[in-house]
Every structure is written in C-alpha cells, then in structure tokens.
Amino acid sequence: MSARGAEAFLVWKRRQPRGERKAFTL
C-alpha cells in the first residue's frame, strides 16, 4: 500500500468507522 493509499484509508476510516470491515473487503 502506498503512502497516499494509507492516508486516504485513514481519512476514509474516520468518515465510516462502523462499516470499515464490510466496505474494505476487496
């Protein structure tokens, strides 16, 4: 995972803390 991907993931994680597992399942 790139640095930008990690930052985007953290920001997105803050916006959706409840559905992080379901939405992040790829």
N, C-alpha and C. Protein backbone atom coordinates (compact mmCIF):
# COMPACT_ATOMS: atom_id res chain seq x y z
N MET A 1 0.84 -1.20 0.00
CA MET A 1 0.00 0.00 0.00
C MET A 1 0.88 1.25 0.00
N SER A 2 0.57 2.18 -0.88
CA SER A 2 1.38 3.39 -0.98
C SER A 2 1.08 4.37 0.15
N ALA A 3 1.87 5.40 0.26
CA ALA A 3 1.67 6.39 1.33
C ALA A 3 0.34 7.10 1.15
N ARG A 4 0.03 7.43 -0.10
CA ARG A 4 -1.25 8.11 -0.37
C ARG A 4 -2.42 7.21 -0.04
N GLY A 5 -2.28 5.94 -0.37
CA GLY A 5 -3.35 4.98 -0.08
C GLY A 5 -3.59 4.87 1.41
N ALA A 6 -2.49 4.88 2.18
CA ALA A 6 -2.60 4.77 3.63
C ALA A 6 -3.30 6.00 4.20
N GLU A 7 -2.93 7.18 3.70
CA GLU A 7 -3.55 8.42 4.18
C GLU A 7 -5.03 8.44 3.84
N ALA A 8 -5.35 8.07 2.60
CA ALA A 8 -6.75 8.06 2.16
C ALA A 8 -7.55 7.06 2.98
N PHE A 9 -6.91 5.93 3.30
CA PHE A 9 -7.60 4.91 4.08
C PHE A 9 -7.91 5.41 5.48
N LEU A 10 -6.96 6.14 6.10
CA LEU A 10 -7.17 6.67 7.45
C LEU A 10 -8.29 7.70 7.45
N VAL A 11 -8.28 8.58 6.45
CA VAL A 11 -9.32 9.61 6.36
C VAL A 11 -10.68 8.95 6.15
N TRP A 12 -10.71 7.96 5.25
CA TRP A 12 -11.97 7.26 4.97
C TRP A 12 -12.43 6.48 6.19
N LYS A 13 -11.45 5.98 6.97
CA LYS A 13 -11.77 5.21 8.16
C LYS A 13 -12.47 6.10 9.18
N ARG A 14 -12.06 7.36 9.26
CA ARG A 14 -12.69 8.30 10.20
C ARG A 14 -14.11 8.60 9.79
N ARG A 15 -14.33 8.68 8.46
CA ARG A 15 -15.68 9.00 7.98
C ARG A 15 -16.65 7.84 8.18
N GLN A 16 -16.13 6.62 8.00
CA GLN A 16 -17.01 5.44 8.15
C GLN A 16 -16.38 4.41 9.08
N PRO A 17 -16.37 4.66 10.38
CA PRO A 17 -15.78 3.75 11.35
C PRO A 17 -16.60 2.47 11.54
N ARG A 18 -17.92 2.56 11.29
CA ARG A 18 -18.78 1.39 11.51
C ARG A 18 -18.64 0.36 10.39
N GLY A 19 -18.65 0.84 9.13
CA GLY A 19 -18.63 -0.11 8.01
C GLY A 19 -17.26 -0.29 7.40
N GLU A 20 -16.21 -0.09 8.20
CA GLU A 20 -14.86 -0.22 7.64
C GLU A 20 -14.58 -1.66 7.22
N ARG A 21 -15.07 -2.64 7.97
CA ARG A 21 -14.80 -4.04 7.63
C ARG A 21 -15.55 -4.45 6.37
N LYS A 22 -16.84 -4.16 6.31
CA LYS A 22 -17.65 -4.56 5.15
C LYS A 22 -17.20 -3.84 3.89
N ALA A 23 -17.00 -2.53 3.98
CA ALA A 23 -16.67 -1.75 2.79
C ALA A 23 -15.25 -2.02 2.31
N PHE A 24 -14.33 -2.32 3.24
CA PHE A 24 -12.93 -2.50 2.86
C PHE A 24 -12.65 -3.92 2.38
N THR A 25 -13.66 -4.78 2.40
CA THR A 25 -13.45 -6.15 1.93
C THR A 25 -13.35 -6.16 0.42
N LEU A 26 -12.17 -6.50 -0.11
CA LEU A 26 -11.98 -6.48 -1.56
C LEU A 26 -11.70 -7.89 -2.08
